[in-house]
Amino acid sequence: MNVEIKPVIDHQQYEVNGHIIQKDAANNWTCQHPLSPKEIRAFRNYEKLIINNFKFRKHTKATYKD
Protein backbone atom coordinates (compact mmCIF):
# COMPACT_ATOMS: atom_id res chain seq x y z
CA MET A 1 0.00 0.00 0.00
CA ASN A 2 1.33 3.44 -0.95
CA VAL A 3 0.91 6.37 1.41
CA GLU A 4 0.28 9.74 -0.21
CA ILE A 5 0.69 12.94 1.82
CA LYS A 6 -0.52 16.28 0.46
CA PRO A 7 -0.29 19.63 2.23
CA VAL A 8 -3.58 21.47 2.65
CA ILE A 9 -2.31 24.30 4.88
CA ASP A 10 1.45 24.19 5.54
CA HIS A 11 2.33 23.41 9.18
CA GLN A 12 -1.37 23.04 10.09
CA GLN A 13 -3.28 20.55 7.93
CA TYR A 14 -2.30 17.64 5.68
CA GLU A 15 -4.13 14.91 3.79
CA VAL A 16 -2.85 11.37 4.36
CA ASN A 17 -4.47 8.89 1.93
CA GLY A 18 -7.63 10.99 1.89
CA HIS A 19 -7.78 11.49 5.69
CA ILE A 20 -7.26 14.99 7.06
CA ILE A 21 -4.71 15.27 9.86
CA GLN A 22 -4.37 18.62 11.60
CA LYS A 23 -2.82 20.31 14.61
CA ASP A 24 -5.06 20.93 17.61
CA ALA A 25 -4.82 23.78 20.15
CA ALA A 26 -2.11 21.89 22.09
CA ASN A 27 0.02 21.47 18.90
CA ASN A 28 -0.67 17.72 18.69
CA TRP A 29 -1.52 16.06 15.38
CA THR A 30 -5.08 14.70 15.35
CA CYS A 31 -7.21 12.83 12.83
CA GLN A 32 -10.92 11.94 12.84
CA HIS A 33 -10.19 8.50 11.35
CA PRO A 34 -7.70 5.97 12.70
CA LEU A 35 -4.55 5.75 10.58
CA SER A 36 -2.74 2.51 9.85
CA PRO A 37 0.73 2.00 11.35
CA LYS A 38 2.24 2.49 7.87
CA GLU A 39 0.40 5.82 7.44
CA ILE A 40 1.54 6.98 10.88
CA ARG A 41 5.14 6.01 10.16
CA ALA A 42 5.08 7.79 6.78
CA PHE A 43 3.60 10.96 8.30
CA ARG A 44 6.17 10.98 11.14
CA ASN A 45 8.92 10.65 8.54
CA TYR A 46 7.38 13.46 6.45
CA GLU A 47 7.10 15.62 9.57
CA LYS A 48 10.73 15.06 10.47
CA LEU A 49 12.10 15.62 6.95
CA ILE A 50 9.77 18.27 5.51
CA ILE A 51 7.53 19.98 8.08
CA ASN A 52 10.23 20.59 10.71
CA ASN A 53 12.83 21.63 8.12
CA PHE A 54 13.05 25.43 8.02
CA LYS A 55 14.67 25.32 4.56
CA PHE A 56 11.36 24.29 2.94
CA ARG A 57 9.10 27.29 2.37
CA LYS A 58 6.37 25.44 0.47
CA HIS A 59 5.64 21.85 1.33
CA THR A 60 5.22 19.34 -1.48
CA LYS A 61 3.19 16.22 -2.09
CA ALA A 62 4.99 13.03 -1.08
CA THR A 63 4.35 9.37 -1.85
CA TYR A 64 5.80 6.60 0.31
CA LYS A 65 5.88 3.23 -1.42
CA ASP A 66 6.16 -0.26 0.03
PDB file of N, CA and C in Angstrom:
ATOM      1  N   MET A   1       0.835  -1.178   0.000  1.00  0.00           N
ATOM      2  CA  MET A   1       0.000   0.000   0.000  1.00  0.00           C
ATOM      3  C   MET A   1       0.884   1.247   0.000  1.00  0.00           C
ATOM      4  N   ASN A   2       0.620   2.158  -0.902  1.00  0.00           N
ATOM      5  CA  ASN A   2       1.326   3.435  -0.947  1.00  0.00           C
ATOM      6  C   ASN A   2       0.645   4.427  -0.015  1.00  0.00           C
ATOM      7  N   VAL A   3       1.434   5.314   0.555  1.00  0.00           N
ATOM      8  CA  VAL A   3       0.912   6.374   1.414  1.00  0.00           C
ATOM      9  C   VAL A   3       1.197   7.695   0.724  1.00  0.00           C
ATOM     10  N   GLU A   4       0.141   8.454   0.464  1.00  0.00           N
ATOM     11  CA  GLU A   4       0.282   9.740  -0.208  1.00  0.00           C
ATOM     12  C   GLU A   4      -0.050  10.857   0.781  1.00  0.00           C
ATOM     13  N   ILE A   5       0.859  11.813   0.907  1.00  0.00           N
ATOM     14  CA  ILE A   5       0.687  12.938   1.824  1.00  0.00           C
ATOM     15  C   ILE A   5       0.676  14.218   1.002  1.00  0.00           C
ATOM     16  N   LYS A   6      -0.397  15.012   1.170  1.00  0.00           N
ATOM     17  CA  LYS A   6      -0.521  16.283   0.455  1.00  0.00           C
ATOM     18  C   LYS A   6      -0.748  17.397   1.470  1.00  0.00           C
ATOM     19  N   PRO A   7      -0.024  18.499   1.339  1.00  0.00           N
ATOM     20  CA  PRO A   7      -0.287  19.626   2.232  1.00  0.00           C
ATOM     21  C   PRO A   7      -1.587  20.332   1.852  1.00  0.00           C
ATOM     22  N   VAL A   8      -2.380  20.661   2.854  1.00  0.00           N
ATOM     23  CA  VAL A   8      -3.577  21.469   2.648  1.00  0.00           C
ATOM     24  C   VAL A   8      -3.253  22.895   3.090  1.00  0.00           C
ATOM     25  N   ILE A   9      -2.809  23.033   4.340  1.00  0.00           N
ATOM     26  CA  ILE A   9      -2.306  24.299   4.881  1.00  0.00           C
ATOM     27  C   ILE A   9      -0.974  23.965   5.543  1.00  0.00           C
ATOM     28  N   ASP A  10       0.124  24.514   5.016  1.00  0.00           N
ATOM     29  CA  ASP A  10       1.455  24.189   5.537  1.00  0.00           C
ATOM     30  C   ASP A  10       1.528  24.387   7.048  1.00  0.00           C
ATOM     31  N   HIS A  11       2.120  23.434   7.722  1.00  0.00           N
ATOM     32  CA  HIS A  11       2.335  23.408   9.175  1.00  0.00           C
ATOM     33  C   HIS A  11       1.051  23.235   9.983  1.00  0.00           C
ATOM     34  N   GLN A  12      -0.112  23.139   9.354  1.00  0.00           N
ATOM     35  CA  GLN A  12      -1.368  23.038  10.091  1.00  0.00           C
ATOM     36  C   GLN A  12      -2.231  21.850   9.684  1.00  0.00           C
ATOM     37  N   GLN A  13      -2.340  21.561   8.392  1.00  0.00           N
ATOM     38  CA  GLN A  13      -3.281  20.549   7.931  1.00  0.00           C
ATOM     39  C   GLN A  13      -2.728  19.821   6.713  1.00  0.00           C
ATOM     40  N   TYR A  14      -2.802  18.481   6.767  1.00  0.00           N
ATOM     41  CA  TYR A  14      -2.297  17.637   5.684  1.00  0.00           C
ATOM     42  C   TYR A  14      -3.309  16.537   5.409  1.00  0.00           C
ATOM     43  N   GLU A  15      -3.278  16.026   4.179  1.00  0.00           N
ATOM     44  CA  GLU A  15      -4.134  14.914   3.785  1.00  0.00           C
ATOM     45  C   GLU A  15      -3.265  13.676   3.637  1.00  0.00           C
ATOM     46  N   VAL A  16      -3.593  12.630   4.397  1.00  0.00           N
ATOM     47  CA  VAL A  16      -2.853  11.372   4.357  1.00  0.00           C
ATOM     48  C   VAL A  16      -3.807  10.309   3.825  1.00  0.00           C
ATOM     49  N   ASN A  17      -3.597   9.877   2.591  1.00  0.00           N
ATOM     50  CA  ASN A  17      -4.467   8.895   1.929  1.00  0.00           C
ATOM     51  C   ASN A  17      -5.945   9.269   2.039  1.00  0.00           C
ATOM     52  N   GLY A  18      -6.249  10.539   1.860  1.00  0.00           N
ATOM     53  CA  GLY A  18      -7.634  10.985   1.887  1.00  0.00           C
ATOM     54  C   GLY A  18      -8.155  11.358   3.263  1.00  0.00           C
ATOM     55  N   HIS A  19      -7.388  11.126   4.325  1.00  0.00           N
ATOM     56  CA  HIS A  19      -7.781  11.487   5.685  1.00  0.00           C
ATOM     57  C   HIS A  19      -7.080  12.782   6.076  1.00  0.00           C
ATOM     58  N   ILE A  20      -7.834  13.710   6.645  1.00  0.00           N
ATOM     59  CA  ILE A  20      -7.263  14.991   7.062  1.00  0.00           C
ATOM     60  C   ILE A  20      -6.656  14.837   8.451  1.00  0.00           C
ATOM     61  N   ILE A  21      -5.396  15.243   8.572  1.00  0.00           N
ATOM     62  CA  ILE A  21      -4.708  15.268   9.857  1.00  0.00           C
ATOM     63  C   ILE A  21      -4.323  16.722  10.105  1.00  0.00           C
ATOM     64  N   GLN A  22      -4.618  17.214  11.311  1.00  0.00           N
ATOM     65  CA  GLN A  22      -4.375  18.623  11.597  1.00  0.00           C
ATOM     66  C   GLN A  22      -3.873  18.809  13.016  1.00  0.00           C
ATOM     67  N   LYS A  23      -3.305  19.982  13.275  1.00  0.00           N
ATOM     68  CA  LYS A  23      -2.815  20.312  14.611  1.00  0.00           C
ATOM     69  C   LYS A  23      -3.968  20.861  15.439  1.00  0.00           C
ATOM     70  N   ASP A  24      -4.045  20.401  16.708  1.00  0.00           N
ATOM     71  CA  ASP A  24      -5.063  20.930  17.605  1.00  0.00           C
ATOM     72  C   ASP A  24      -4.493  22.110  18.392  1.00  0.00           C
ATOM     73  N   ALA A  25      -5.237  22.608  19.371  1.00  0.00           N
ATOM     74  CA  ALA A  25      -4.819  23.778  20.152  1.00  0.00           C
ATOM     75  C   ALA A  25      -3.554  23.515  20.962  1.00  0.00           C
ATOM     76  N   ALA A  26      -3.296  22.252  21.307  1.00  0.00           N
ATOM     77  CA  ALA A  26      -2.109  21.887  22.088  1.00  0.00           C
ATOM     78  C   ALA A  26      -0.926  21.509  21.193  1.00  0.00           C
ATOM     79  N   ASN A  27      -1.019  21.787  19.886  1.00  0.00           N
ATOM     80  CA  ASN A  27       0.022  21.471  18.898  1.00  0.00           C
ATOM     81  C   ASN A  27       0.276  19.973  18.734  1.00  0.00           C
ATOM     82  N   ASN A  28      -0.751  19.164  18.946  1.00  0.00           N
ATOM     83  CA  ASN A  28      -0.667  17.724  18.692  1.00  0.00           C
ATOM     84  C   ASN A  28      -1.386  17.429  17.382  1.00  0.00           C
ATOM     85  N   TRP A  29      -0.875  16.446  16.632  1.00  0.00           N
ATOM     86  CA  TRP A  29      -1.515  16.060  15.376  1.00  0.00           C
ATOM     87  C   TRP A  29      -2.704  15.168  15.688  1.00  0.00           C
ATOM     88  N   THR A  30      -3.877  15.485  15.126  1.00  0.00           N
ATOM     89  CA  THR A  30      -5.084  14.699  15.347  1.00  0.00           C
ATOM     90  C   THR A  30      -5.742  14.374  14.012  1.00  0.00           C
ATOM     91  N   CYS A  31      -6.496  13.273  14.025  1.00  0.00           N
ATOM     92  CA  CYS A  31      -7.208  12.833  12.829  1.00  0.00           C
ATOM     93  C   CYS A  31      -8.537  12.230  13.268  1.00  0.00           C
ATOM     94  N   GLN A  32      -9.595  12.470  12.509  1.00  0.00           N
ATOM     95  CA  GLN A  32     -10.915  11.940  12.836  1.00  0.00           C
ATOM     96  C   GLN A  32     -10.994  10.429  12.610  1.00  0.00           C
ATOM     97  N   HIS A  33     -10.184   9.915  11.691  1.00  0.00           N
ATOM     98  CA  HIS A  33     -10.195   8.495  11.353  1.00  0.00           C
ATOM     99  C   HIS A  33      -8.893   7.860  11.826  1.00  0.00           C
ATOM    100  N   PRO A  34      -8.950   6.622  12.287  1.00  0.00           N
ATOM    101  CA  PRO A  34      -7.698   5.968  12.702  1.00  0.00           C
ATOM    102  C   PRO A  34      -6.798   5.699  11.490  1.00  0.00           C
ATOM    103  N   LEU A  35      -5.525   5.991  11.641  1.00  0.00           N
ATOM    104  CA  LEU A  35      -4.550   5.750  10.579  1.00  0.00           C
ATOM    105  C   LEU A  35      -3.867   4.411  10.812  1.00  0.00           C
ATOM    106  N   SER A  36      -3.463   3.769   9.737  1.00  0.00           N
ATOM    107  CA  SER A  36      -2.736   2.506   9.847  1.00  0.00           C
ATOM    108  C   SER A  36      -1.324   2.794  10.353  1.00  0.00           C
ATOM    109  N   PRO A  37      -0.650   1.790  10.899  1.00  0.00           N
ATOM    110  CA  PRO A  37       0.734   2.000  11.352  1.00  0.00           C
ATOM    111  C   PRO A  37       1.650   2.502  10.238  1.00  0.00           C
ATOM    112  N   LYS A  38       1.422   2.043   9.006  1.00  0.00           N
ATOM    113  CA  LYS A  38       2.236   2.492   7.868  1.00  0.00           C
ATOM    114  C   LYS A  38       1.988   3.971   7.575  1.00  0.00           C
ATOM    115  N   GLU A  39       0.726   4.408   7.664  1.00  0.00           N
ATOM    116  CA  GLU A  39       0.404   5.816   7.440  1.00  0.00           C
ATOM    117  C   GLU A  39       1.010   6.696   8.532  1.00  0.00           C
ATOM    118  N   ILE A  40       0.955   6.233   9.766  1.00  0.00           N
ATOM    119  CA  ILE A  40       1.544   6.984  10.882  1.00  0.00           C
ATOM    120  C   ILE A  40       3.048   7.101  10.705  1.00  0.00           C
ATOM    121  N   ARG A  41       3.693   6.010  10.354  1.00  0.00           N
ATOM    122  CA  ARG A  41       5.145   6.007  10.157  1.00  0.00           C
ATOM    123  C   ARG A  41       5.542   6.946   9.017  1.00  0.00           C
ATOM    124  N   ALA A  42       4.783   6.920   7.926  1.00  0.00           N
ATOM    125  CA  ALA A  42       5.080   7.792   6.783  1.00  0.00           C
ATOM    126  C   ALA A  42       4.886   9.257   7.162  1.00  0.00           C
ATOM    127  N   PHE A  43       3.825   9.562   7.917  1.00  0.00           N
ATOM    128  CA  PHE A  43       3.599  10.956   8.304  1.00  0.00           C
ATOM    129  C   PHE A  43       4.675  11.436   9.275  1.00  0.00           C
ATOM    130  N   ARG A  44       5.087  10.603  10.211  1.00  0.00           N
ATOM    131  CA  ARG A  44       6.165  10.983  11.144  1.00  0.00           C
ATOM    132  C   ARG A  44       7.461  11.258  10.375  1.00  0.00           C
ATOM    133  N   ASN A  45       7.735  10.441   9.378  1.00  0.00           N
ATOM    134  CA  ASN A  45       8.921  10.645   8.544  1.00  0.00           C
ATOM    135  C   ASN A  45       8.801  11.958   7.761  1.00  0.00           C
ATOM    136  N   TYR A  46       7.632  12.213   7.184  1.00  0.00           N
ATOM    137  CA  TYR A  46       7.378  13.460   6.448  1.00  0.00           C
ATOM    138  C   TYR A  46       7.519  14.663   7.385  1.00  0.00           C
ATOM    139  N   GLU A  47       6.999  14.530   8.594  1.00  0.00           N
ATOM    140  CA  GLU A  47       7.098  15.618   9.573  1.00  0.00           C
ATOM    141  C   GLU A  47       8.558  15.922   9.899  1.00  0.00           C
ATOM    142  N   LYS A  48       9.326  14.882  10.116  1.00  0.00           N
ATOM    143  CA  LYS A  48      10.732  15.064  10.473  1.00  0.00           C
ATOM    144  C   LYS A  48      11.534  15.664   9.319  1.00  0.00           C
ATOM    145  N   LEU A  49      11.299  15.189   8.097  1.00  0.00           N
ATOM    146  CA  LEU A  49      12.100  15.622   6.954  1.00  0.00           C
ATOM    147  C   LEU A  49      11.619  16.915   6.293  1.00  0.00           C
ATOM    148  N   ILE A  50      10.317  17.141   6.262  1.00  0.00           N
ATOM    149  CA  ILE A  50       9.768  18.269   5.507  1.00  0.00           C
ATOM    150  C   ILE A  50       9.182  19.350   6.422  1.00  0.00           C
ATOM    151  N   ILE A  51       8.249  18.983   7.276  1.00  0.00           N
ATOM    152  CA  ILE A  51       7.532  19.977   8.076  1.00  0.00           C
ATOM    153  C   ILE A  51       8.470  20.711   9.027  1.00  0.00           C
ATOM    154  N   ASN A  52       9.336  19.976   9.721  1.00  0.00           N
ATOM    155  CA  ASN A  52      10.229  20.594  10.707  1.00  0.00           C
ATOM    156  C   ASN A  52      11.511  21.147  10.103  1.00  0.00           C
ATOM    157  N   ASN A  53      11.641  21.124   8.793  1.00  0.00           N
ATOM    158  CA  ASN A  53      12.834  21.630   8.122  1.00  0.00           C
ATOM    159  C   ASN A  53      12.581  23.072   7.682  1.00  0.00           C
ATOM    160  N   PHE A  54      13.275  24.017   8.302  1.00  0.00           N
ATOM    161  CA  PHE A  54      13.050  25.433   8.019  1.00  0.00           C
ATOM    162  C   PHE A  54      13.476  25.837   6.607  1.00  0.00           C
ATOM    163  N   LYS A  55      14.220  24.995   5.915  1.00  0.00           N
ATOM    164  CA  LYS A  55      14.673  25.318   4.558  1.00  0.00           C
ATOM    165  C   LYS A  55      13.549  25.199   3.526  1.00  0.00           C
ATOM    166  N   PHE A  56      12.495  24.444   3.846  1.00  0.00           N
ATOM    167  CA  PHE A  56      11.357  24.288   2.940  1.00  0.00           C
ATOM    168  C   PHE A  56      10.335  25.381   3.217  1.00  0.00           C
ATOM    169  N   ARG A  57      10.114  26.235   2.232  1.00  0.00           N
ATOM    170  CA  ARG A  57       9.104  27.291   2.367  1.00  0.00           C
ATOM    171  C   ARG A  57       7.718  26.740   2.026  1.00  0.00           C
ATOM    172  N   LYS A  58       7.636  26.015   0.918  1.00  0.00           N
ATOM    173  CA  LYS A  58       6.371  25.441   0.466  1.00  0.00           C
ATOM    174  C   LYS A  58       6.498  23.930   0.516  1.00  0.00           C
ATOM    175  N   HIS A  59       5.584  23.295   1.198  1.00  0.00           N
ATOM    176  CA  HIS A  59       5.638  21.846   1.332  1.00  0.00           C
ATOM    177  C   HIS A  59       5.075  21.184   0.079  1.00  0.00           C
ATOM    178  N   THR A  60       5.608  20.027  -0.251  1.00  0.00           N
ATOM    179  CA  THR A  60       5.219  19.341  -1.476  1.00  0.00           C
ATOM    180  C   THR A  60       4.492  18.044  -1.165  1.00  0.00           C
ATOM    181  N   LYS A  61       3.848  17.519  -2.184  1.00  0.00           N
ATOM    182  CA  LYS A  61       3.188  16.224  -2.094  1.00  0.00           C
ATOM    183  C   LYS A  61       4.261  15.148  -2.024  1.00  0.00           C
ATOM    184  N   ALA A  62       4.035  14.129  -1.203  1.00  0.00           N
ATOM    185  CA  ALA A  62       4.993  13.034  -1.078  1.00  0.00           C
ATOM    186  C   ALA A  62       4.252  11.707  -1.161  1.00  0.00           C
ATOM    187  N   THR A  63       4.895  10.714  -1.769  1.00  0.00           N
ATOM    188  CA  THR A  63       4.349   9.369  -1.849  1.00  0.00           C
ATOM    189  C   THR A  63       5.367   8.398  -1.290  1.00  0.00           C
ATOM    190  N   TYR A  64       4.948   7.628  -0.287  1.00  0.00           N
ATOM    191  CA  TYR A  64       5.799   6.603   0.315  1.00  0.00           C
ATOM    192  C   TYR A  64       5.320   5.254  -0.198  1.00  0.00           C
ATOM    193  N   LYS A  65       6.228   4.522  -0.826  1.00  0.00           N
ATOM    194  CA  LYS A  65       5.882   3.231  -1.421  1.00  0.00           C
ATOM    195  C   LYS A  65       6.376   2.097  -0.540  1.00  0.00           C
ATOM    196  N   ASP A  66       5.763   0.937  -0.726  1.00  0.00           N
ATOM    197  CA  ASP A  66       6.157  -0.265   0.034  1.00  0.00           C
ATOM    198  C   ASP A  66       7.580  -0.649  -0.213  1.00  0.00           C
TER     199      ASP A  66
END
